[in-house]
Amino acid sequence: MKKTDVHARFVTIIKDHKEDFYRLAYSYVKNQEDALDIVGDSIKKGLISLDRIQNPQAIKSWFYKIVVRTSLDFLRKHKRLTVTDDETLNFLSSGQNDQYENFDLHEAMNKLPVEYKTVITLRYFEDLKMEEIAAITDENISTVKTRIYRGLKLLRITLTEENESDERAFKGTEKRI
């Protein structure tokens, strides 16, 4: 494949899947500006190393790998105790209605070790195939499957414990009423 064809394919993939790449970066940093920076840095890294790509048909998976690694590098460089984005700050400062959309799931995902969070995010939130995830994470397919299984098990345990804790707290307030 010609260099111009590879470049055009890369640009097309970026345009067609920009929301997916942003959502993946956001799942790591939970901040709109940081996620945009990560995607921008990833595009820059992709353009710089585009001439070294060995399989032009796998540009999408290759770029997902760049986004994941750039996100992890960002997290290592900017370790924080709490991550808050502008939307959350606006929500907390104004009297808006509560929005509990998958709050427990997001909290449980944040508690997962990175290797489990990555494969679960790529599989269930980005809807990638096992082969693509294996290519992105540089692992074999059986390792990816094992991490997904273990990650889901950890999620289930965490969500079950939180649910039981909430039920006990609710029953305690119920007796006082």
Protein backbone atom coordinates (compact mmCIF):
# COMPACT_ATOMS: atom_id res chain seq x y z
CA MET A 1 0.00 0.00 0.00
CA LYS A 2 1.33 3.44 -0.91
CA LYS A 3 2.27 5.93 1.74
CA THR A 4 -0.49 8.32 0.59
CA ASP A 5 -3.05 5.50 0.74
CA VAL A 6 -2.01 4.63 4.30
CA HIS A 7 -2.20 8.29 5.29
CA ALA A 8 -5.66 8.66 3.71
CA ARG A 9 -6.87 5.49 5.45
CA PHE A 10 -5.56 6.78 8.78
CA VAL A 11 -7.36 10.12 8.33
CA THR A 12 -10.58 8.33 7.38
CA ILE A 13 -10.42 6.07 10.44
CA ILE A 14 -9.79 9.06 12.71
CA LYS A 15 -12.77 10.92 11.23
CA ASP A 16 -15.09 7.90 11.31
CA HIS A 17 -14.23 6.80 14.86
CA LYS A 18 -13.28 10.03 16.64
CA GLU A 19 -16.09 9.62 19.19
CA ASP A 20 -14.93 6.08 19.98
CA PHE A 21 -11.34 7.21 20.53
CA TYR A 22 -12.51 10.12 22.69
CA ARG A 23 -14.79 7.86 24.75
CA LEU A 24 -11.92 5.43 25.32
CA ALA A 25 -9.58 8.20 26.49
CA TYR A 26 -12.35 9.68 28.66
CA SER A 27 -12.92 6.28 30.31
CA TYR A 28 -9.39 6.54 31.68
CA VAL A 29 -9.11 10.20 32.71
CA LYS A 30 -12.74 11.21 33.39
CA ASN A 31 -12.02 14.72 32.17
CA GLN A 32 -13.13 16.24 28.89
CA GLU A 33 -10.07 18.41 28.23
CA ASP A 34 -7.60 15.68 29.20
CA ALA A 35 -9.39 13.16 26.98
CA LEU A 36 -9.23 15.59 24.06
CA ASP A 37 -5.53 16.16 24.76
CA ILE A 38 -4.93 12.41 24.79
CA VAL A 39 -6.70 11.95 21.47
CA GLY A 40 -4.72 14.86 20.00
CA ASP A 41 -1.43 13.46 21.30
CA SER A 42 -2.39 10.03 19.98
CA ILE A 43 -3.09 11.44 16.52
CA LYS A 44 0.27 13.21 16.58
CA LYS A 45 2.03 9.98 17.62
CA GLY A 46 0.12 8.08 14.95
CA LEU A 47 1.10 10.51 12.21
CA ILE A 48 4.74 10.43 13.28
CA SER A 49 4.93 6.63 13.22
CA LEU A 50 2.50 6.01 10.35
CA ASP A 51 5.29 5.15 7.93
CA ARG A 52 6.40 2.29 10.21
CA ILE A 53 3.05 0.51 10.31
CA GLN A 54 3.45 -3.08 9.18
CA ASN A 55 -0.17 -3.95 8.45
CA PRO A 56 -2.12 -1.02 6.95
CA GLN A 57 -5.35 -3.04 7.27
CA ALA A 58 -5.01 -2.95 11.07
CA ILE A 59 -4.72 0.83 11.42
CA LYS A 60 -7.81 1.06 13.62
CA SER A 61 -6.52 -1.50 16.14
CA TRP A 62 -3.07 0.06 15.94
CA PHE A 63 -4.52 3.47 16.76
CA TYR A 64 -6.61 2.09 19.64
CA LYS A 65 -3.35 0.78 21.07
CA ILE A 66 -1.82 4.25 20.80
CA VAL A 67 -4.83 5.81 22.59
CA VAL A 68 -4.68 3.23 25.40
CA ARG A 69 -0.94 3.70 25.90
CA THR A 70 -1.19 7.49 25.75
CA SER A 71 -3.99 7.38 28.33
CA LEU A 72 -1.95 5.16 30.65
CA ASP A 73 1.10 7.42 30.20
CA PHE A 74 -1.05 10.42 31.04
CA LEU A 75 -2.34 8.74 34.20
CA ARG A 76 1.20 7.88 35.30
CA LYS A 77 2.37 11.45 34.73
CA HIS A 78 -0.64 13.09 36.36
CA LYS A 79 -1.46 10.93 39.33
CA ARG A 80 -4.38 12.50 41.15
CA LEU A 81 -6.41 11.65 44.17
CA THR A 82 -9.68 12.72 42.59
CA VAL A 83 -10.52 13.48 39.00
CA THR A 84 -13.29 15.95 38.33
CA ASP A 85 -14.34 17.36 35.00
CA ASP A 86 -16.16 20.60 34.21
CA GLU A 87 -19.50 18.86 33.81
CA THR A 88 -19.25 17.39 37.31
CA LEU A 89 -18.23 20.73 38.80
CA ASN A 90 -21.14 22.47 37.06
CA PHE A 91 -23.49 19.74 38.21
CA LEU A 92 -22.34 19.97 41.82
CA SER A 93 -22.41 23.76 41.90
CA SER A 94 -25.86 24.14 40.35
CA GLY A 95 -29.13 22.76 41.64
CA GLN A 96 -29.65 20.32 38.79
CA ASN A 97 -31.53 17.07 39.14
CA ASP A 98 -29.58 14.00 40.17
CA GLN A 99 -28.34 11.78 37.38
CA TYR A 100 -27.40 8.28 38.51
CA GLU A 101 -26.78 6.79 35.08
CA ASN A 102 -24.72 3.66 35.73
CA PHE A 103 -22.99 5.35 38.66
CA ASP A 104 -22.26 2.06 40.44
CA LEU A 105 -20.84 0.53 37.29
CA HIS A 106 -18.55 3.51 36.69
CA GLU A 107 -17.34 3.43 40.29
CA ALA A 108 -16.72 -0.32 40.10
CA MET A 109 -14.85 0.08 36.79
CA ASN A 110 -12.62 2.73 38.36
CA LYS A 111 -11.68 0.28 41.13
CA LEU A 112 -10.52 -2.39 38.67
CA PRO A 113 -6.81 -2.87 37.97
CA VAL A 114 -5.80 -1.28 34.66
CA GLU A 115 -5.30 -4.55 32.77
CA TYR A 116 -8.89 -5.63 33.53
CA LYS A 117 -10.38 -2.19 32.97
CA THR A 118 -8.70 -1.92 29.57
CA VAL A 119 -9.98 -5.22 28.17
CA ILE A 120 -13.50 -4.75 29.56
CA THR A 121 -13.71 -1.20 28.19
CA LEU A 122 -12.50 -2.29 24.77
CA ARG A 123 -14.81 -5.31 24.65
CA TYR A 124 -18.06 -4.00 26.10
CA PHE A 125 -17.90 -0.24 25.68
CA GLU A 126 -16.01 -0.09 22.36
CA ASP A 127 -17.45 -3.39 21.05
CA LEU A 128 -14.12 -4.66 19.73
CA LYS A 129 -13.43 -8.29 18.85
CA MET A 130 -11.11 -10.41 20.97
CA GLU A 131 -8.52 -10.45 18.19
CA GLU A 132 -8.51 -6.64 18.05
CA ILE A 133 -8.17 -6.37 21.82
CA ALA A 134 -5.29 -8.85 21.75
CA ALA A 135 -3.55 -6.75 19.11
CA ILE A 136 -4.14 -3.52 21.05
CA THR A 137 -2.87 -4.91 24.35
CA ASP A 138 -0.06 -7.01 22.83
CA GLU A 139 -1.42 -10.12 24.56
CA ASN A 140 -2.60 -13.42 23.19
CA ILE A 141 -6.31 -14.09 22.87
CA SER A 142 -6.45 -16.54 25.79
CA THR A 143 -4.91 -13.90 28.08
CA VAL A 144 -7.49 -11.36 26.92
CA LYS A 145 -10.32 -13.84 27.57
CA THR A 146 -8.95 -14.63 31.01
CA ARG A 147 -8.66 -10.95 31.91
CA ILE A 148 -12.20 -10.28 30.73
CA TYR A 149 -13.50 -13.21 32.77
CA ARG A 150 -11.59 -12.16 35.90
CA GLY A 151 -12.44 -8.50 35.42
CA LEU A 152 -16.15 -9.29 35.10
CA LYS A 153 -15.92 -11.47 38.20
CA LEU A 154 -14.30 -8.59 40.13
CA LEU A 155 -16.98 -6.21 38.85
CA ARG A 156 -19.72 -8.59 39.93
CA ILE A 157 -18.17 -8.94 43.41
CA THR A 158 -17.76 -5.18 43.78
CA LEU A 159 -21.29 -4.42 42.58
CA THR A 160 -22.78 -7.15 44.80
CA GLU A 161 -20.92 -5.85 47.87
CA GLU A 162 -22.04 -2.28 47.16
CA ASN A 163 -25.62 -3.42 46.64
CA GLU A 164 -25.63 -5.38 49.91
CA SER A 165 -24.11 -2.42 51.72
CA ASP A 166 -26.80 -0.11 50.31
CA GLU A 167 -29.55 -2.55 51.33
CA ARG A 168 -28.20 -2.72 54.90
CA ALA A 169 -28.05 1.07 55.08
CA PHE A 170 -31.61 1.34 53.74
CA LYS A 171 -32.92 -1.20 56.25
CA GLY A 172 -31.25 0.74 59.04
CA THR A 173 -33.05 3.95 58.08
CA GLU A 174 -36.28 2.04 57.56
CA LYS A 175 -36.29 0.91 61.21
CA ARG A 176 -35.77 4.48 62.42
CA ILE A 177 -38.75 5.75 60.49
